[in-house]
Protein backbone atom coordinates (compact mmCIF):
# COMPACT_ATOMS: atom_id res chain seq x y z
CA UNK A 1 0.00 0.00 0.00
CA UNK A 2 2.88 2.33 0.81
CA UNK A 3 4.41 1.76 -2.65
CA UNK A 4 1.08 2.58 -4.23
CA UNK A 5 0.86 5.88 -2.32
CA UNK A 6 4.42 6.83 -3.34
CA UNK A 7 3.72 5.92 -6.96
CA UNK A 8 0.51 7.97 -6.89
CA UNK A 9 2.31 11.00 -5.40
CA UNK A 10 5.16 10.74 -7.93
CA UNK A 11 2.72 10.45 -10.84
CA UNK A 12 0.74 13.46 -9.64
CA UNK A 13 3.93 15.48 -9.26
CA UNK A 14 5.09 14.60 -12.77
CA UNK A 15 1.73 15.45 -14.32
CA UNK A 16 1.59 18.80 -12.55
CA UNK A 17 5.13 19.75 -13.56
CA UNK A 18 4.49 19.08 -17.25
CA UNK A 19 2.07 21.99 -17.51
CA UNK A 20 4.10 24.98 -16.32
CA UNK A 21 2.63 27.80 -18.38
CA UNK A 22 -0.86 28.94 -19.20
CA UNK A 23 -1.86 29.09 -22.86
CA UNK A 24 -1.40 32.52 -24.39
CA UNK A 25 -4.54 34.04 -25.78
CA UNK A 26 -4.47 35.95 -29.02
CA UNK A 27 -3.95 39.69 -28.75
CA UNK A 28 -7.03 41.81 -29.47
CA UNK A 29 -7.04 45.30 -30.98
CA UNK A 30 -8.03 46.70 -27.58
CA UNK A 31 -5.08 44.96 -25.92
CA UNK A 32 -2.70 46.28 -28.58
CA UNK A 33 -3.93 49.85 -28.07
CA UNK A 34 -3.89 49.61 -24.27
CA UNK A 35 -0.37 48.17 -24.10
CA UNK A 36 1.13 50.68 -26.54
CA UNK A 37 -0.71 53.58 -24.88
CA UNK A 38 0.60 52.49 -21.46
CA UNK A 39 4.13 52.17 -22.88
CA UNK A 40 4.01 55.64 -24.45
CA UNK A 41 2.69 57.27 -21.29
CA UNK A 42 5.43 55.55 -19.28
CA UNK A 43 8.32 56.28 -21.63
CA UNK A 44 7.57 59.76 -23.01
CA UNK A 45 7.00 63.10 -21.29
CA UNK A 46 3.39 64.14 -21.85
CA UNK A 47 3.51 67.41 -19.86
CA UNK A 48 3.82 69.45 -23.05
CA UNK A 49 0.55 67.92 -24.30
CA UNK A 50 -1.46 69.13 -21.28
CA UNK A 51 -1.99 72.55 -22.85
CA UNK A 52 -2.34 71.23 -26.41
CA UNK A 53 -3.43 67.56 -26.40
CA UNK A 54 -3.55 67.39 -30.21
CA UNK A 55 0.25 67.45 -30.50
CA UNK A 56 0.69 64.02 -28.88
CA UNK A 57 -1.57 61.02 -29.26
CA UNK A 58 -1.85 57.26 -29.70
CA UNK A 59 -4.20 55.86 -32.34
CA UNK A 60 -4.89 52.59 -34.11
CA UNK A 61 -3.49 52.11 -37.59
CA UNK A 62 -3.87 49.34 -40.13
CA UNK A 63 -4.49 45.69 -39.28
CA UNK A 64 -3.16 42.64 -41.08
CA UNK A 65 -3.83 38.95 -40.53
CA UNK A 66 -0.86 38.74 -38.16
CA UNK A 67 -0.39 42.21 -36.64
CA UNK A 68 -1.98 45.42 -35.42
CA UNK A 69 -0.42 48.77 -36.12
CA UNK A 70 -0.64 51.36 -33.34
CA UNK A 71 0.70 54.85 -34.02
CA UNK A 72 2.22 57.28 -31.53
CA UNK A 73 2.66 60.91 -32.56
CA UNK A 74 5.21 62.87 -30.59
CA UNK A 75 5.12 66.61 -29.98
CA UNK A 76 8.13 66.79 -32.34
CA UNK A 77 5.82 65.56 -35.15
CA UNK A 78 7.73 62.27 -35.37
CA UNK A 79 5.67 59.08 -35.57
CA UNK A 80 6.50 55.76 -33.98
CA UNK A 81 4.69 52.83 -35.56
CA UNK A 82 4.17 49.87 -33.25
CA UNK A 83 3.59 46.55 -35.02
CA UNK A 84 1.97 44.20 -32.48
CA UNK A 85 2.16 40.49 -33.34
CA UNK A 86 -1.32 39.06 -32.68
CA UNK A 87 -0.04 35.66 -31.58
CA UNK A 88 2.93 36.54 -29.36
CA UNK A 89 2.56 40.16 -28.26
CA UNK A 90 6.05 40.96 -29.52
CA UNK A 91 5.93 44.55 -30.67
CA UNK A 92 8.34 46.04 -33.21
CA UNK A 93 8.80 49.82 -33.20
CA UNK A 94 9.66 51.88 -36.28
CA UNK A 95 10.18 55.64 -36.09
CA UNK A 96 9.35 57.93 -39.00
CA UNK A 97 10.22 61.63 -39.13
CA UNK A 98 7.95 63.14 -41.78
CA UNK A 99 9.42 66.62 -41.34
CA UNK A 100 12.58 65.62 -43.18
CA UNK A 101 12.81 66.77 -46.81
CA UNK A 102 12.83 63.31 -48.40
CA UNK A 103 10.67 61.43 -50.84
CA UNK A 104 7.80 59.40 -49.37
CA UNK A 105 9.29 56.08 -50.45
CA UNK A 106 12.78 56.84 -49.09
CA UNK A 107 13.72 54.16 -46.55
CA UNK A 108 16.09 56.57 -44.76
CA UNK A 109 13.08 58.36 -43.27
CA UNK A 110 12.31 55.30 -41.16
CA UNK A 111 14.42 53.60 -38.54
CA UNK A 112 13.82 50.65 -36.27
CA UNK A 113 13.92 51.72 -32.64
CA UNK A 114 13.50 48.37 -30.90
CA UNK A 115 10.95 45.90 -29.61
CA UNK A 116 8.84 45.47 -26.51
CA UNK A 117 6.72 42.69 -25.09
CA UNK A 118 3.16 44.00 -25.05
CA UNK A 119 2.29 41.89 -21.99
CA UNK A 120 4.76 43.98 -19.95
CA UNK A 121 2.49 47.02 -20.48
CA UNK A 122 -0.95 45.50 -20.01
CA UNK A 123 -2.80 45.78 -16.73
CA UNK A 124 -2.46 42.60 -14.72
CA UNK A 125 -5.74 40.88 -13.85
C-alpha atoms as a PDB file:
ATOM      1  CA  UNK A   1       0.000   0.000   0.000  1.00  0.00           C
ATOM      2  CA  UNK A   2       2.884   2.326   0.806  1.00  0.00           C
ATOM      3  CA  UNK A   3       4.414   1.758  -2.649  1.00  0.00           C
ATOM      4  CA  UNK A   4       1.075   2.580  -4.234  1.00  0.00           C
ATOM      5  CA  UNK A   5       0.858   5.879  -2.317  1.00  0.00           C
ATOM      6  CA  UNK A   6       4.420   6.827  -3.339  1.00  0.00           C
ATOM      7  CA  UNK A   7       3.722   5.922  -6.958  1.00  0.00           C
ATOM      8  CA  UNK A   8       0.513   7.968  -6.895  1.00  0.00           C
ATOM      9  CA  UNK A   9       2.308  11.002  -5.402  1.00  0.00           C
ATOM     10  CA  UNK A  10       5.163  10.742  -7.926  1.00  0.00           C
ATOM     11  CA  UNK A  11       2.721  10.452 -10.844  1.00  0.00           C
ATOM     12  CA  UNK A  12       0.737  13.465  -9.641  1.00  0.00           C
ATOM     13  CA  UNK A  13       3.934  15.482  -9.260  1.00  0.00           C
ATOM     14  CA  UNK A  14       5.092  14.599 -12.772  1.00  0.00           C
ATOM     15  CA  UNK A  15       1.731  15.447 -14.316  1.00  0.00           C
ATOM     16  CA  UNK A  16       1.590  18.802 -12.552  1.00  0.00           C
ATOM     17  CA  UNK A  17       5.132  19.747 -13.557  1.00  0.00           C
ATOM     18  CA  UNK A  18       4.488  19.080 -17.247  1.00  0.00           C
ATOM     19  CA  UNK A  19       2.070  21.991 -17.505  1.00  0.00           C
ATOM     20  CA  UNK A  20       4.100  24.979 -16.320  1.00  0.00           C
ATOM     21  CA  UNK A  21       2.626  27.804 -18.377  1.00  0.00           C
ATOM     22  CA  UNK A  22      -0.859  28.937 -19.196  1.00  0.00           C
ATOM     23  CA  UNK A  23      -1.857  29.093 -22.855  1.00  0.00           C
ATOM     24  CA  UNK A  24      -1.397  32.524 -24.388  1.00  0.00           C
ATOM     25  CA  UNK A  25      -4.537  34.042 -25.781  1.00  0.00           C
ATOM     26  CA  UNK A  26      -4.475  35.952 -29.025  1.00  0.00           C
ATOM     27  CA  UNK A  27      -3.949  39.695 -28.747  1.00  0.00           C
ATOM     28  CA  UNK A  28      -7.033  41.813 -29.468  1.00  0.00           C
ATOM     29  CA  UNK A  29      -7.039  45.300 -30.978  1.00  0.00           C
ATOM     30  CA  UNK A  30      -8.032  46.700 -27.577  1.00  0.00           C
ATOM     31  CA  UNK A  31      -5.081  44.961 -25.917  1.00  0.00           C
ATOM     32  CA  UNK A  32      -2.696  46.285 -28.579  1.00  0.00           C
ATOM     33  CA  UNK A  33      -3.933  49.847 -28.070  1.00  0.00           C
ATOM     34  CA  UNK A  34      -3.890  49.608 -24.271  1.00  0.00           C
ATOM     35  CA  UNK A  35      -0.371  48.172 -24.105  1.00  0.00           C
ATOM     36  CA  UNK A  36       1.132  50.680 -26.541  1.00  0.00           C
ATOM     37  CA  UNK A  37      -0.711  53.579 -24.883  1.00  0.00           C
ATOM     38  CA  UNK A  38       0.597  52.486 -21.460  1.00  0.00           C
ATOM     39  CA  UNK A  39       4.128  52.169 -22.879  1.00  0.00           C
ATOM     40  CA  UNK A  40       4.006  55.639 -24.454  1.00  0.00           C
ATOM     41  CA  UNK A  41       2.694  57.267 -21.287  1.00  0.00           C
ATOM     42  CA  UNK A  42       5.425  55.550 -19.279  1.00  0.00           C
ATOM     43  CA  UNK A  43       8.324  56.282 -21.634  1.00  0.00           C
ATOM     44  CA  UNK A  44       7.567  59.759 -23.013  1.00  0.00           C
ATOM     45  CA  UNK A  45       7.004  63.101 -21.294  1.00  0.00           C
ATOM     46  CA  UNK A  46       3.387  64.137 -21.846  1.00  0.00           C
ATOM     47  CA  UNK A  47       3.511  67.408 -19.857  1.00  0.00           C
ATOM     48  CA  UNK A  48       3.822  69.448 -23.051  1.00  0.00           C
ATOM     49  CA  UNK A  49       0.552  67.924 -24.300  1.00  0.00           C
ATOM     50  CA  UNK A  50      -1.455  69.130 -21.285  1.00  0.00           C
ATOM     51  CA  UNK A  51      -1.989  72.554 -22.853  1.00  0.00           C
ATOM     52  CA  UNK A  52      -2.340  71.234 -26.405  1.00  0.00           C
ATOM     53  CA  UNK A  53      -3.426  67.565 -26.403  1.00  0.00           C
ATOM     54  CA  UNK A  54      -3.546  67.389 -30.211  1.00  0.00           C
ATOM     55  CA  UNK A  55       0.246  67.452 -30.501  1.00  0.00           C
ATOM     56  CA  UNK A  56       0.691  64.017 -28.884  1.00  0.00           C
ATOM     57  CA  UNK A  57      -1.568  61.018 -29.258  1.00  0.00           C
ATOM     58  CA  UNK A  58      -1.853  57.256 -29.698  1.00  0.00           C
ATOM     59  CA  UNK A  59      -4.201  55.865 -32.340  1.00  0.00           C
ATOM     60  CA  UNK A  60      -4.889  52.590 -34.113  1.00  0.00           C
ATOM     61  CA  UNK A  61      -3.486  52.115 -37.592  1.00  0.00           C
ATOM     62  CA  UNK A  62      -3.874  49.341 -40.128  1.00  0.00           C
ATOM     63  CA  UNK A  63      -4.488  45.688 -39.284  1.00  0.00           C
ATOM     64  CA  UNK A  64      -3.163  42.636 -41.083  1.00  0.00           C
ATOM     65  CA  UNK A  65      -3.827  38.947 -40.527  1.00  0.00           C
ATOM     66  CA  UNK A  66      -0.856  38.737 -38.161  1.00  0.00           C
ATOM     67  CA  UNK A  67      -0.389  42.210 -36.636  1.00  0.00           C
ATOM     68  CA  UNK A  68      -1.985  45.418 -35.421  1.00  0.00           C
ATOM     69  CA  UNK A  69      -0.417  48.774 -36.119  1.00  0.00           C
ATOM     70  CA  UNK A  70      -0.636  51.356 -33.341  1.00  0.00           C
ATOM     71  CA  UNK A  71       0.702  54.845 -34.022  1.00  0.00           C
ATOM     72  CA  UNK A  72       2.223  57.278 -31.529  1.00  0.00           C
ATOM     73  CA  UNK A  73       2.656  60.913 -32.563  1.00  0.00           C
ATOM     74  CA  UNK A  74       5.215  62.872 -30.589  1.00  0.00           C
ATOM     75  CA  UNK A  75       5.123  66.613 -29.976  1.00  0.00           C
ATOM     76  CA  UNK A  76       8.128  66.794 -32.340  1.00  0.00           C
ATOM     77  CA  UNK A  77       5.817  65.556 -35.148  1.00  0.00           C
ATOM     78  CA  UNK A  78       7.728  62.271 -35.367  1.00  0.00           C
ATOM     79  CA  UNK A  79       5.668  59.084 -35.565  1.00  0.00           C
ATOM     80  CA  UNK A  80       6.503  55.757 -33.981  1.00  0.00           C
ATOM     81  CA  UNK A  81       4.690  52.833 -35.563  1.00  0.00           C
ATOM     82  CA  UNK A  82       4.173  49.871 -33.247  1.00  0.00           C
ATOM     83  CA  UNK A  83       3.585  46.554 -35.023  1.00  0.00           C
ATOM     84  CA  UNK A  84       1.969  44.204 -32.483  1.00  0.00           C
ATOM     85  CA  UNK A  85       2.158  40.493 -33.345  1.00  0.00           C
ATOM     86  CA  UNK A  86      -1.321  39.061 -32.684  1.00  0.00           C
ATOM     87  CA  UNK A  87      -0.038  35.664 -31.579  1.00  0.00           C
ATOM     88  CA  UNK A  88       2.932  36.535 -29.359  1.00  0.00           C
ATOM     89  CA  UNK A  89       2.555  40.156 -28.256  1.00  0.00           C
ATOM     90  CA  UNK A  90       6.048  40.959 -29.518  1.00  0.00           C
ATOM     91  CA  UNK A  91       5.930  44.554 -30.674  1.00  0.00           C
ATOM     92  CA  UNK A  92       8.338  46.037 -33.213  1.00  0.00           C
ATOM     93  CA  UNK A  93       8.798  49.820 -33.199  1.00  0.00           C
ATOM     94  CA  UNK A  94       9.662  51.882 -36.277  1.00  0.00           C
ATOM     95  CA  UNK A  95      10.181  55.641 -36.089  1.00  0.00           C
ATOM     96  CA  UNK A  96       9.351  57.927 -38.997  1.00  0.00           C
ATOM     97  CA  UNK A  97      10.221  61.625 -39.128  1.00  0.00           C
ATOM     98  CA  UNK A  98       7.950  63.137 -41.785  1.00  0.00           C
ATOM     99  CA  UNK A  99       9.422  66.620 -41.341  1.00  0.00           C
ATOM    100  CA  UNK A 100      12.580  65.625 -43.185  1.00  0.00           C
ATOM    101  CA  UNK A 101      12.810  66.768 -46.806  1.00  0.00           C
ATOM    102  CA  UNK A 102      12.828  63.310 -48.399  1.00  0.00           C
ATOM    103  CA  UNK A 103      10.673  61.430 -50.844  1.00  0.00           C
ATOM    104  CA  UNK A 104       7.799  59.398 -49.372  1.00  0.00           C
ATOM    105  CA  UNK A 105       9.292  56.085 -50.450  1.00  0.00           C
ATOM    106  CA  UNK A 106      12.780  56.839 -49.092  1.00  0.00           C
ATOM    107  CA  UNK A 107      13.722  54.160 -46.547  1.00  0.00           C
ATOM    108  CA  UNK A 108      16.093  56.571 -44.760  1.00  0.00           C
ATOM    109  CA  UNK A 109      13.076  58.355 -43.274  1.00  0.00           C
ATOM    110  CA  UNK A 110      12.314  55.296 -41.159  1.00  0.00           C
ATOM    111  CA  UNK A 111      14.423  53.596 -38.536  1.00  0.00           C
ATOM    112  CA  UNK A 112      13.820  50.654 -36.272  1.00  0.00           C
ATOM    113  CA  UNK A 113      13.924  51.719 -32.639  1.00  0.00           C
ATOM    114  CA  UNK A 114      13.495  48.371 -30.903  1.00  0.00           C
ATOM    115  CA  UNK A 115      10.952  45.901 -29.614  1.00  0.00           C
ATOM    116  CA  UNK A 116       8.838  45.466 -26.508  1.00  0.00           C
ATOM    117  CA  UNK A 117       6.721  42.691 -25.087  1.00  0.00           C
ATOM    118  CA  UNK A 118       3.159  43.998 -25.050  1.00  0.00           C
ATOM    119  CA  UNK A 119       2.294  41.887 -21.985  1.00  0.00           C
ATOM    120  CA  UNK A 120       4.755  43.982 -19.945  1.00  0.00           C
ATOM    121  CA  UNK A 121       2.495  47.016 -20.479  1.00  0.00           C
ATOM    122  CA  UNK A 122      -0.954  45.496 -20.014  1.00  0.00           C
ATOM    123  CA  UNK A 123      -2.801  45.776 -16.727  1.00  0.00           C
ATOM    124  CA  UNK A 124      -2.461  42.597 -14.718  1.00  0.00           C
ATOM    125  CA  UNK A 125      -5.739  40.877 -13.854  1.00  0.00           C
END
